[in-house]
Amino acid sequence: MEDALRTGIQDFLTAQGFDTQRIELPVIECRSNGCEIQAVGYPEDLGKSPADLQRIFPSLLKGDLGNELHEFSALHRSRNDHRVLILVHLSRKTT
């Protein structure tokens, strides 16, 4: 699941012509009830259409990942290095 999320995010950004090196994904971790993603990037990038993670996840959830994951929430925090940390939580579907 973690690999599929990382690949899905990077493929989406690449398809939009965005430099994936500008957004770090230091943590992508899944457990039985959900997945956590930490992304770090520059404010001027993260608010733009192709790099806006809040636009990426609905697209990813329409594909194969949507079979296991559904809703998501995102929290943005400024960092001392003038970048932004985005913490995303994706919930797993219950059967």
N, C-alpha and C. Protein backbone atom coordinates (compact mmCIF):
# COMPACT_ATOMS: atom_id res chain seq x y z
N MET A 1 0.83 -1.18 0.00
CA MET A 1 0.00 0.00 0.00
C MET A 1 0.88 1.25 0.00
N GLU A 2 1.93 1.25 0.83
CA GLU A 2 2.80 2.42 0.89
C GLU A 2 3.44 2.70 -0.47
N ASP A 3 3.93 1.65 -1.11
CA ASP A 3 4.55 1.82 -2.44
C ASP A 3 3.53 2.34 -3.45
N ALA A 4 2.32 1.83 -3.39
CA ALA A 4 1.28 2.27 -4.33
C ALA A 4 0.95 3.75 -4.12
N LEU A 5 0.90 4.19 -2.86
CA LEU A 5 0.63 5.59 -2.58
C LEU A 5 1.76 6.49 -3.08
N ARG A 6 3.00 6.10 -2.76
CA ARG A 6 4.16 6.91 -3.19
C ARG A 6 4.21 7.00 -4.72
N THR A 7 4.06 5.86 -5.36
CA THR A 7 4.10 5.83 -6.82
C THR A 7 2.94 6.63 -7.41
N GLY A 8 1.75 6.49 -6.83
CA GLY A 8 0.59 7.22 -7.32
C GLY A 8 0.78 8.72 -7.23
N ILE A 9 1.29 9.20 -6.11
CA ILE A 9 1.54 10.64 -5.93
C ILE A 9 2.58 11.12 -6.93
N GLN A 10 3.70 10.41 -7.01
CA GLN A 10 4.77 10.82 -7.92
C GLN A 10 4.33 10.75 -9.38
N ASP A 11 3.60 9.72 -9.76
CA ASP A 11 3.12 9.60 -11.14
C ASP A 11 2.15 10.73 -11.48
N PHE A 12 1.28 11.07 -10.54
CA PHE A 12 0.33 12.16 -10.76
C PHE A 12 1.09 13.47 -10.98
N LEU A 13 2.07 13.75 -10.13
CA LEU A 13 2.85 14.99 -10.26
C LEU A 13 3.62 15.02 -11.57
N THR A 14 4.23 13.91 -11.92
CA THR A 14 5.00 13.82 -13.17
C THR A 14 4.09 14.04 -14.37
N ALA A 15 2.91 13.44 -14.35
CA ALA A 15 1.97 13.58 -15.46
C ALA A 15 1.52 15.03 -15.64
N GLN A 16 1.55 15.78 -14.54
CA GLN A 16 1.17 17.19 -14.60
C GLN A 16 2.36 18.10 -14.94
N GLY A 17 3.55 17.49 -15.15
CA GLY A 17 4.74 18.25 -15.48
C GLY A 17 5.40 18.91 -14.29
N PHE A 18 5.12 18.40 -13.08
CA PHE A 18 5.68 18.97 -11.86
C PHE A 18 6.96 18.24 -11.46
N ASP A 19 7.95 18.97 -11.00
CA ASP A 19 9.22 18.40 -10.55
C ASP A 19 9.00 17.73 -9.19
N THR A 20 9.02 16.41 -9.16
CA THR A 20 8.74 15.67 -7.93
C THR A 20 9.82 15.88 -6.86
N GLN A 21 10.97 16.38 -7.24
CA GLN A 21 12.04 16.64 -6.27
C GLN A 21 11.68 17.79 -5.33
N ARG A 22 10.70 18.60 -5.70
CA ARG A 22 10.32 19.76 -4.88
C ARG A 22 9.39 19.39 -3.73
N ILE A 23 8.87 18.17 -3.75
CA ILE A 23 8.02 17.70 -2.65
C ILE A 23 8.62 16.41 -2.11
N GLU A 24 8.98 16.43 -0.84
CA GLU A 24 9.51 15.24 -0.18
C GLU A 24 8.36 14.46 0.44
N LEU A 25 8.48 13.16 0.43
CA LEU A 25 7.51 12.28 1.08
C LEU A 25 8.26 11.42 2.10
N PRO A 26 8.68 12.02 3.23
CA PRO A 26 9.51 11.29 4.19
C PRO A 26 8.79 10.15 4.90
N VAL A 27 7.46 10.25 5.03
CA VAL A 27 6.72 9.20 5.73
C VAL A 27 5.48 8.83 4.93
N ILE A 28 5.38 7.57 4.58
CA ILE A 28 4.15 6.98 4.08
C ILE A 28 4.03 5.64 4.80
N GLU A 29 3.09 5.58 5.72
CA GLU A 29 2.97 4.40 6.57
C GLU A 29 1.51 4.00 6.70
N CYS A 30 1.24 2.73 6.49
CA CYS A 30 -0.13 2.22 6.58
C CYS A 30 -0.24 1.21 7.73
N ARG A 31 -1.38 1.26 8.37
CA ARG A 31 -1.72 0.32 9.44
C ARG A 31 -3.09 -0.29 9.11
N SER A 32 -3.64 -1.02 10.04
CA SER A 32 -4.90 -1.71 9.77
C SER A 32 -6.08 -0.77 9.58
N ASN A 33 -6.05 0.42 10.18
CA ASN A 33 -7.22 1.30 10.05
C ASN A 33 -6.97 2.54 9.19
N GLY A 34 -5.76 2.70 8.66
CA GLY A 34 -5.52 3.85 7.79
C GLY A 34 -4.06 4.04 7.43
N CYS A 35 -3.81 5.08 6.66
CA CYS A 35 -2.46 5.41 6.23
C CYS A 35 -2.15 6.85 6.59
N GLU A 36 -0.90 7.10 6.92
CA GLU A 36 -0.42 8.45 7.21
C GLU A 36 0.63 8.82 6.18
N ILE A 37 0.51 10.02 5.66
CA ILE A 37 1.48 10.52 4.70
C ILE A 37 1.96 11.88 5.21
N GLN A 38 3.27 12.05 5.25
CA GLN A 38 3.85 13.35 5.56
C GLN A 38 4.55 13.84 4.31
N ALA A 39 4.18 15.01 3.88
CA ALA A 39 4.78 15.63 2.70
C ALA A 39 5.36 16.97 3.12
N VAL A 40 6.53 17.29 2.57
CA VAL A 40 7.18 18.56 2.86
C VAL A 40 7.49 19.24 1.54
N GLY A 41 7.10 20.50 1.44
CA GLY A 41 7.36 21.23 0.21
C GLY A 41 7.32 22.73 0.45
N TYR A 42 7.42 23.46 -0.62
CA TYR A 42 7.43 24.91 -0.56
C TYR A 42 6.02 25.45 -0.73
N PRO A 43 5.65 26.48 0.04
CA PRO A 43 4.28 27.00 -0.03
C PRO A 43 3.86 27.39 -1.44
N GLU A 44 4.79 27.95 -2.20
CA GLU A 44 4.44 28.38 -3.56
C GLU A 44 4.14 27.20 -4.48
N ASP A 45 4.62 26.01 -4.14
CA ASP A 45 4.34 24.81 -4.94
C ASP A 45 3.07 24.12 -4.48
N LEU A 46 2.93 23.97 -3.18
CA LEU A 46 1.87 23.13 -2.63
C LEU A 46 0.47 23.72 -2.85
N GLY A 47 0.37 24.99 -3.09
CA GLY A 47 -0.93 25.58 -3.34
C GLY A 47 -1.31 25.58 -4.81
N LYS A 48 -0.37 25.20 -5.67
CA LYS A 48 -0.63 25.19 -7.11
C LYS A 48 -1.34 23.89 -7.49
N SER A 49 -2.09 23.97 -8.53
CA SER A 49 -2.96 22.88 -8.95
C SER A 49 -2.30 21.50 -8.99
N PRO A 50 -1.23 21.27 -9.76
CA PRO A 50 -0.75 19.88 -9.84
C PRO A 50 -0.13 19.37 -8.54
N ALA A 51 0.37 20.26 -7.70
CA ALA A 51 1.04 19.82 -6.48
C ALA A 51 0.16 19.92 -5.25
N ASP A 52 -1.09 20.32 -5.41
CA ASP A 52 -2.00 20.43 -4.29
C ASP A 52 -2.46 19.02 -3.89
N LEU A 53 -1.92 18.52 -2.78
CA LEU A 53 -2.22 17.15 -2.38
C LEU A 53 -3.72 16.93 -2.15
N GLN A 54 -4.43 17.97 -1.80
CA GLN A 54 -5.87 17.80 -1.60
C GLN A 54 -6.59 17.56 -2.92
N ARG A 55 -5.94 17.81 -4.04
CA ARG A 55 -6.51 17.48 -5.35
C ARG A 55 -6.02 16.13 -5.84
N ILE A 56 -4.86 15.71 -5.38
CA ILE A 56 -4.29 14.44 -5.82
C ILE A 56 -5.05 13.26 -5.24
N PHE A 57 -5.37 13.30 -3.95
CA PHE A 57 -5.96 12.13 -3.29
C PHE A 57 -7.32 11.73 -3.84
N PRO A 58 -8.22 12.67 -4.12
CA PRO A 58 -9.49 12.22 -4.72
C PRO A 58 -9.27 11.47 -6.04
N SER A 59 -8.29 11.90 -6.81
CA SER A 59 -7.98 11.22 -8.06
C SER A 59 -7.43 9.81 -7.80
N LEU A 60 -6.54 9.69 -6.82
CA LEU A 60 -5.97 8.37 -6.49
C LEU A 60 -7.04 7.41 -5.96
N LEU A 61 -7.97 7.95 -5.20
CA LEU A 61 -9.00 7.10 -4.60
C LEU A 61 -10.04 6.62 -5.62
N LYS A 62 -10.04 7.22 -6.80
CA LYS A 62 -10.94 6.75 -7.87
C LYS A 62 -10.36 5.51 -8.56
N GLY A 63 -9.06 5.27 -8.34
CA GLY A 63 -8.41 4.11 -8.95
C GLY A 63 -8.42 2.92 -8.01
N ASP A 64 -7.42 2.05 -8.18
CA ASP A 64 -7.34 0.83 -7.38
C ASP A 64 -7.23 1.08 -5.88
N LEU A 65 -6.59 2.19 -5.49
CA LEU A 65 -6.46 2.48 -4.06
C LEU A 65 -7.82 2.70 -3.41
N GLY A 66 -8.79 3.11 -4.19
CA GLY A 66 -10.14 3.33 -3.67
C GLY A 66 -10.83 2.06 -3.22
N ASN A 67 -10.29 0.91 -3.61
CA ASN A 67 -10.85 -0.36 -3.15
C ASN A 67 -10.58 -0.59 -1.66
N GLU A 68 -9.49 0.01 -1.14
CA GLU A 68 -9.13 -0.19 0.26
C GLU A 68 -9.22 1.08 1.10
N LEU A 69 -9.06 2.22 0.46
CA LEU A 69 -9.06 3.48 1.19
C LEU A 69 -10.23 4.34 0.75
N HIS A 70 -10.69 5.19 1.65
CA HIS A 70 -11.74 6.10 1.22
C HIS A 70 -11.42 7.50 1.70
N GLU A 71 -12.06 8.06 2.65
CA GLU A 71 -11.91 9.48 2.97
C GLU A 71 -10.51 9.83 3.49
N PHE A 72 -10.17 11.12 3.35
CA PHE A 72 -8.88 11.58 3.82
C PHE A 72 -9.05 12.95 4.47
N SER A 73 -8.09 13.29 5.32
CA SER A 73 -8.03 14.63 5.90
C SER A 73 -6.59 15.10 5.82
N ALA A 74 -6.41 16.42 5.75
CA ALA A 74 -5.07 16.98 5.63
C ALA A 74 -4.90 18.15 6.59
N LEU A 75 -3.73 18.26 7.16
CA LEU A 75 -3.38 19.32 8.08
C LEU A 75 -2.09 19.97 7.59
N HIS A 76 -2.06 21.28 7.50
CA HIS A 76 -0.89 22.01 7.02
C HIS A 76 -0.23 22.73 8.20
N ARG A 77 1.10 22.69 8.26
CA ARG A 77 1.86 23.39 9.29
C ARG A 77 3.09 24.03 8.66
N SER A 78 3.38 25.26 9.06
CA SER A 78 4.60 25.93 8.62
C SER A 78 5.79 25.39 9.41
N ARG A 79 6.93 25.35 8.74
CA ARG A 79 8.16 24.90 9.39
C ARG A 79 9.14 26.06 9.48
N ASN A 80 10.15 25.92 10.33
CA ASN A 80 11.15 26.97 10.49
C ASN A 80 11.99 27.20 9.24
N ASP A 81 12.07 26.22 8.36
CA ASP A 81 12.88 26.35 7.15
C ASP A 81 12.08 26.93 5.97
N HIS A 82 10.93 27.54 6.28
CA HIS A 82 10.07 28.20 5.28
C HIS A 82 9.38 27.22 4.34
N ARG A 83 9.38 25.96 4.70
CA ARG A 83 8.61 24.99 3.95
C ARG A 83 7.35 24.65 4.73
N VAL A 84 6.50 23.86 4.12
CA VAL A 84 5.24 23.47 4.74
C VAL A 84 5.21 21.96 4.91
N LEU A 85 4.74 21.52 6.07
CA LEU A 85 4.51 20.10 6.33
C LEU A 85 3.03 19.86 6.14
N ILE A 86 2.70 18.85 5.37
CA ILE A 86 1.31 18.44 5.21
C ILE A 86 1.20 17.02 5.74
N LEU A 87 0.32 16.87 6.70
CA LEU A 87 0.05 15.56 7.29
C LEU A 87 -1.30 15.10 6.77
N VAL A 88 -1.31 13.95 6.10
CA VAL A 88 -2.54 13.41 5.50
C VAL A 88 -2.86 12.09 6.16
N HIS A 89 -4.11 11.91 6.49
CA HIS A 89 -4.59 10.63 7.00
C HIS A 89 -5.65 10.10 6.06
N LEU A 90 -5.45 8.88 5.59
CA LEU A 90 -6.43 8.20 4.74
C LEU A 90 -7.03 7.05 5.55
N SER A 91 -8.33 6.96 5.58
CA SER A 91 -9.01 5.89 6.32
C SER A 91 -9.16 4.66 5.44
N ARG A 92 -8.98 3.50 6.05
CA ARG A 92 -9.24 2.24 5.34
C ARG A 92 -10.72 1.92 5.41
N LYS A 93 -11.21 1.32 4.36
CA LYS A 93 -12.60 0.87 4.37
C LYS A 93 -12.72 -0.32 5.30
N THR A 94 -13.83 -0.38 5.99
CA THR A 94 -14.08 -1.54 6.84
C THR A 94 -14.97 -2.52 6.11
N THR A 95 -14.76 -3.79 6.37
CA THR A 95 -15.56 -4.80 5.68
C THR A 95 -16.59 -5.41 6.58
